[in-house]
Amino acid sequence: MEIIVSISDMKVTNRAKDVLVTHALGSCLGLAAYDPVAGVAGLIHCLLPLARENRGPAKNPYMYVNIGVPQMMRALFNRGATRENLILKAAGCGRMMHISNQFDTGANNFAALKKLLQVNEMRLAAEDVGGTIPRTMRVYAETGRVVVSSCGRSWDL
């Protein structure tokens, strides 16, 4: 069953037949996680890099890399995943419409993820980030296979 992960959304599953999918990854970050031992998969679609602490608690934590990704990790751990077994793959973080300024959201999203992973001594197994194409990302819960597609083409990540 295909389960849609919307913008600023996250889903976790341990049902082998599920496929988690997110569309329209432009400057947004798509992060897939899979633990082959626990048989659990997750996908998050983050819009922005950082939730501002001075604005109070975020109404939607999945909107932000710095608080959404840790929440997805907790959800995976609650289903039996371990840090040692997690396979992480990232897509998106592009520069849409060739805009170049200090608000390079895609690059900032990826930098926030890299910092978060470094602090937690984790790393990406694969990435398809940057550029100017919109991406769709699918995670197959049975195998952890991640497929990215754009403009009529698809490829494994």
C-alpha atoms as a PDB file:
ATOM      1  CA  MET A   1       0.000   0.000   0.000  1.00  0.00           C
ATOM      2  CA  GLU A   2       1.341   3.435  -0.911  1.00  0.00           C
ATOM      3  CA  ILE A   3       1.316   5.866   2.003  1.00  0.00           C
ATOM      4  CA  ILE A   4       1.648   9.550   1.131  1.00  0.00           C
ATOM      5  CA  VAL A   5       3.982  11.703   3.219  1.00  0.00           C
ATOM      6  CA  SER A   6       2.862  15.282   2.624  1.00  0.00           C
ATOM      7  CA  ILE A   7       4.957  18.427   2.962  1.00  0.00           C
ATOM      8  CA  SER A   8       5.846  18.903   6.651  1.00  0.00           C
ATOM      9  CA  ASP A   9       4.790  15.332   7.399  1.00  0.00           C
ATOM     10  CA  MET A  10       6.357  12.060   8.569  1.00  0.00           C
ATOM     11  CA  LYS A  11       5.331   8.420   8.468  1.00  0.00           C
ATOM     12  CA  VAL A  12       6.848   5.258   9.977  1.00  0.00           C
ATOM     13  CA  THR A  13       5.802   1.697   9.180  1.00  0.00           C
ATOM     14  CA  ASN A  14       6.740  -1.872   9.964  1.00  0.00           C
ATOM     15  CA  ARG A  15       4.341  -3.390   7.406  1.00  0.00           C
ATOM     16  CA  ALA A  16       6.445  -4.972   4.658  1.00  0.00           C
ATOM     17  CA  LYS A  17       3.964  -4.219   1.872  1.00  0.00           C
ATOM     18  CA  ASP A  18       3.927  -0.457   2.542  1.00  0.00           C
ATOM     19  CA  VAL A  19       5.624   2.056   0.263  1.00  0.00           C
ATOM     20  CA  LEU A  20       6.187   5.497   1.775  1.00  0.00           C
ATOM     21  CA  VAL A  21       6.167   8.229  -0.870  1.00  0.00           C
ATOM     22  CA  THR A  22       6.653  11.985  -0.859  1.00  0.00           C
ATOM     23  CA  HIS A  23       6.281  14.317  -3.831  1.00  0.00           C
ATOM     24  CA  ALA A  24       7.492  17.798  -4.712  1.00  0.00           C
ATOM     25  CA  LEU A  25      10.897  17.743  -3.022  1.00  0.00           C
ATOM     26  CA  GLY A  26      12.262  21.034  -4.309  1.00  0.00           C
ATOM     27  CA  SER A  27      14.196  22.878  -1.627  1.00  0.00           C
ATOM     28  CA  CYS A  28      12.608  20.594   0.986  1.00  0.00           C
ATOM     29  CA  LEU A  29      14.509  17.714   2.574  1.00  0.00           C
ATOM     30  CA  GLY A  30      13.301  14.156   2.145  1.00  0.00           C
ATOM     31  CA  LEU A  31      14.967  11.753   4.582  1.00  0.00           C
ATOM     32  CA  ALA A  32      14.378   8.006   4.379  1.00  0.00           C
ATOM     33  CA  ALA A  33      15.352   5.666   7.209  1.00  0.00           C
ATOM     34  CA  TYR A  34      15.350   1.870   7.251  1.00  0.00           C
ATOM     35  CA  ASP A  35      16.373  -0.714   9.826  1.00  0.00           C
ATOM     36  CA  PRO A  36      16.691  -4.124   8.124  1.00  0.00           C
ATOM     37  CA  VAL A  37      16.846  -6.017  11.432  1.00  0.00           C
ATOM     38  CA  ALA A  38      13.724  -4.450  12.954  1.00  0.00           C
ATOM     39  CA  GLY A  39      11.957  -4.250   9.579  1.00  0.00           C
ATOM     40  CA  VAL A  40      10.911  -0.655  10.110  1.00  0.00           C
ATOM     41  CA  ALA A  41      11.004   2.242   7.634  1.00  0.00           C
ATOM     42  CA  GLY A  42      10.369   5.965   7.906  1.00  0.00           C
ATOM     43  CA  LEU A  43      10.158   9.009   5.655  1.00  0.00           C
ATOM     44  CA  ILE A  44      10.022  12.691   6.534  1.00  0.00           C
ATOM     45  CA  HIS A  45       9.477  15.748   4.294  1.00  0.00           C
ATOM     46  CA  CYS A  46      10.889  18.873   5.989  1.00  0.00           C
ATOM     47  CA  LEU A  47      10.151  22.334   4.626  1.00  0.00           C
ATOM     48  CA  LEU A  48      12.584  24.466   6.661  1.00  0.00           C
ATOM     49  CA  PRO A  49      15.895  23.903   8.462  1.00  0.00           C
ATOM     50  CA  LEU A  50      15.328  25.348  11.932  1.00  0.00           C
ATOM     51  CA  ALA A  51      12.436  25.964  14.284  1.00  0.00           C
ATOM     52  CA  ARG A  52      13.073  29.147  16.215  1.00  0.00           C
ATOM     53  CA  GLU A  53      13.121  28.585  19.973  1.00  0.00           C
ATOM     54  CA  ASN A  54      11.946  32.109  20.762  1.00  0.00           C
ATOM     55  CA  ARG A  55       8.625  31.501  18.975  1.00  0.00           C
ATOM     56  CA  GLY A  56       7.448  28.796  21.372  1.00  0.00           C
ATOM     57  CA  PRO A  57       6.806  25.159  20.549  1.00  0.00           C
ATOM     58  CA  ALA A  58       6.353  24.336  16.868  1.00  0.00           C
ATOM     59  CA  LYS A  59       2.768  23.499  15.897  1.00  0.00           C
ATOM     60  CA  ASN A  60       4.130  21.052  13.327  1.00  0.00           C
ATOM     61  CA  PRO A  61       7.560  19.677  14.251  1.00  0.00           C
ATOM     62  CA  TYR A  62       7.900  17.789  10.943  1.00  0.00           C
ATOM     63  CA  MET A  63       8.124  21.123   9.150  1.00  0.00           C
ATOM     64  CA  TYR A  64      11.648  21.600  10.541  1.00  0.00           C
ATOM     65  CA  VAL A  65      14.789  19.505  10.081  1.00  0.00           C
ATOM     66  CA  ASN A  66      16.181  20.222  13.554  1.00  0.00           C
ATOM     67  CA  ILE A  67      13.149  18.933  15.452  1.00  0.00           C
ATOM     68  CA  GLY A  68      11.328  16.763  12.898  1.00  0.00           C
ATOM     69  CA  VAL A  69      14.209  14.401  12.164  1.00  0.00           C
ATOM     70  CA  PRO A  70      14.796  13.597  15.866  1.00  0.00           C
ATOM     71  CA  GLN A  71      11.059  12.926  16.257  1.00  0.00           C
ATOM     72  CA  MET A  72      11.166  10.507  13.328  1.00  0.00           C
ATOM     73  CA  MET A  73      14.169   8.768  14.911  1.00  0.00           C
ATOM     74  CA  ARG A  74      12.253   8.365  18.193  1.00  0.00           C
ATOM     75  CA  ALA A  75       9.290   6.890  16.297  1.00  0.00           C
ATOM     76  CA  LEU A  76      11.634   4.410  14.575  1.00  0.00           C
ATOM     77  CA  PHE A  77      13.305   3.488  17.878  1.00  0.00           C
ATOM     78  CA  ASN A  78       9.868   2.945  19.453  1.00  0.00           C
ATOM     79  CA  ARG A  79       9.267   0.279  16.778  1.00  0.00           C
ATOM     80  CA  GLY A  80      12.532  -1.505  17.478  1.00  0.00           C
ATOM     81  CA  ALA A  81      15.024   0.277  15.206  1.00  0.00           C
ATOM     82  CA  THR A  82      18.545   0.911  16.514  1.00  0.00           C
ATOM     83  CA  ARG A  83      21.041   3.603  15.584  1.00  0.00           C
ATOM     84  CA  GLU A  84      23.574   0.966  14.571  1.00  0.00           C
ATOM     85  CA  ASN A  85      21.232  -0.610  12.017  1.00  0.00           C
ATOM     86  CA  LEU A  86      19.621   2.517  10.548  1.00  0.00           C
ATOM     87  CA  ILE A  87      20.299   3.233   6.885  1.00  0.00           C
ATOM     88  CA  LEU A  88      19.660   6.904   6.071  1.00  0.00           C
ATOM     89  CA  LYS A  89      19.202   8.385   2.599  1.00  0.00           C
ATOM     90  CA  ALA A  90      18.460  12.012   1.711  1.00  0.00           C
ATOM     91  CA  ALA A  91      16.964  13.689  -1.355  1.00  0.00           C
ATOM     92  CA  GLY A  92      15.803  17.174  -2.320  1.00  0.00           C
ATOM     93  CA  CYS A  93      17.437  20.312  -0.918  1.00  0.00           C
ATOM     94  CA  GLY A  94      17.561  21.896  -4.361  1.00  0.00           C
ATOM     95  CA  ARG A  95      17.627  25.477  -5.479  1.00  0.00           C
ATOM     96  CA  MET A  96      14.370  25.965  -7.266  1.00  0.00           C
ATOM     97  CA  MET A  97      13.878  28.655  -9.911  1.00  0.00           C
ATOM     98  CA  HIS A  98      17.653  29.295  -9.863  1.00  0.00           C
ATOM     99  CA  ILE A  99      17.280  31.694  -6.934  1.00  0.00           C
ATOM    100  CA  SER A 100      20.605  32.559  -5.319  1.00  0.00           C
ATOM    101  CA  ASN A 101      20.547  34.539  -2.098  1.00  0.00           C
ATOM    102  CA  GLN A 102      21.103  34.167   1.646  1.00  0.00           C
ATOM    103  CA  PHE A 103      17.779  32.321   1.904  1.00  0.00           C
ATOM    104  CA  ASP A 104      19.033  29.242   0.044  1.00  0.00           C
ATOM    105  CA  THR A 105      16.556  26.998   1.841  1.00  0.00           C
ATOM    106  CA  GLY A 106      17.689  23.802   0.141  1.00  0.00           C
ATOM    107  CA  ALA A 107      21.339  24.220   1.131  1.00  0.00           C
ATOM    108  CA  ASN A 108      20.300  25.302   4.632  1.00  0.00           C
ATOM    109  CA  ASN A 109      18.061  22.228   5.013  1.00  0.00           C
ATOM    110  CA  PHE A 110      20.925  19.937   4.027  1.00  0.00           C
ATOM    111  CA  ALA A 111      23.380  21.754   6.316  1.00  0.00           C
ATOM    112  CA  ALA A 112      20.944  21.369   9.240  1.00  0.00           C
ATOM    113  CA  LEU A 113      20.671  17.636   8.536  1.00  0.00           C
ATOM    114  CA  LYS A 114      24.443  17.168   8.255  1.00  0.00           C
ATOM    115  CA  LYS A 115      24.976  19.002  11.562  1.00  0.00           C
ATOM    116  CA  LEU A 116      22.306  16.916  13.283  1.00  0.00           C
ATOM    117  CA  LEU A 117      23.818  13.676  11.982  1.00  0.00           C
ATOM    118  CA  GLN A 118      27.342  14.723  12.955  1.00  0.00           C
ATOM    119  CA  VAL A 119      26.310  15.574  16.520  1.00  0.00           C
ATOM    120  CA  ASN A 120      24.625  12.174  16.808  1.00  0.00           C
ATOM    121  CA  GLU A 121      27.494  10.319  15.124  1.00  0.00           C
ATOM    122  CA  MET A 122      25.319   9.118  12.255  1.00  0.00           C
ATOM    123  CA  ARG A 123      25.880   9.324   8.525  1.00  0.00           C
ATOM    124  CA  LEU A 124      24.046   9.130   5.235  1.00  0.00           C
ATOM    125  CA  ALA A 125      24.355   5.965   3.166  1.00  0.00           C
ATOM    126  CA  ALA A 126      23.334   7.905   0.036  1.00  0.00           C
ATOM    127  CA  GLU A 127      22.138  11.321  -1.061  1.00  0.00           C
ATOM    128  CA  ASP A 128      20.642  12.991  -4.117  1.00  0.00           C
ATOM    129  CA  VAL A 129      20.541  16.657  -3.167  1.00  0.00           C
ATOM    130  CA  GLY A 130      20.957  20.041  -4.780  1.00  0.00           C
ATOM    131  CA  GLY A 131      20.343  20.943  -8.377  1.00  0.00           C
ATOM    132  CA  THR A 132      17.153  22.412  -9.751  1.00  0.00           C
ATOM    133  CA  ILE A 133      14.848  19.433 -10.313  1.00  0.00           C
ATOM    134  CA  PRO A 134      11.808  18.518  -8.220  1.00  0.00           C
ATOM    135  CA  ARG A 135      11.945  14.963  -6.882  1.00  0.00           C
ATOM    136  CA  THR A 136       9.592  12.228  -5.747  1.00  0.00           C
ATOM    137  CA  MET A 137      11.016   9.793  -3.194  1.00  0.00           C
ATOM    138  CA  ARG A 138       9.738   6.278  -2.456  1.00  0.00           C
ATOM    139  CA  VAL A 139      10.815   3.957   0.364  1.00  0.00           C
ATOM    140  CA  TYR A 140       9.899   0.276   0.082  1.00  0.00           C
ATOM    141  CA  ALA A 141       9.379  -0.971   3.641  1.00  0.00           C
ATOM    142  CA  GLU A 142      10.086  -4.618   2.808  1.00  0.00           C
ATOM    143  CA  THR A 143      13.641  -4.003   1.562  1.00  0.00           C
ATOM    144  CA  GLY A 144      14.513  -0.401   2.393  1.00  0.00           C
ATOM    145  CA  ARG A 145      14.971   0.330  -1.301  1.00  0.00           C
ATOM    146  CA  VAL A 146      14.760   4.057  -2.032  1.00  0.00           C
ATOM    147  CA  VAL A 147      13.771   5.224  -5.511  1.00  0.00           C
ATOM    148  CA  VAL A 148      13.937   8.859  -6.590  1.00  0.00           C
ATOM    149  CA  SER A 149      12.125  10.062  -9.684  1.00  0.00           C
ATOM    150  CA  SER A 150      11.908  13.310 -11.618  1.00  0.00           C
ATOM    151  CA  CYS A 151      10.963  14.463 -15.110  1.00  0.00           C
ATOM    152  CA  GLY A 152       9.968  10.969 -16.274  1.00  0.00           C
ATOM    153  CA  ARG A 153      13.131   9.213 -14.999  1.00  0.00           C
ATOM    154  CA  SER A 154      13.736   7.180 -11.854  1.00  0.00           C
ATOM    155  CA  TRP A 155      16.847   5.860 -10.124  1.00  0.00           C
ATOM    156  CA  ASP A 156      17.837   3.970  -7.008  1.00  0.00           C
ATOM    157  CA  LEU A 157      19.425   5.895  -4.196  1.00  0.00           C
END
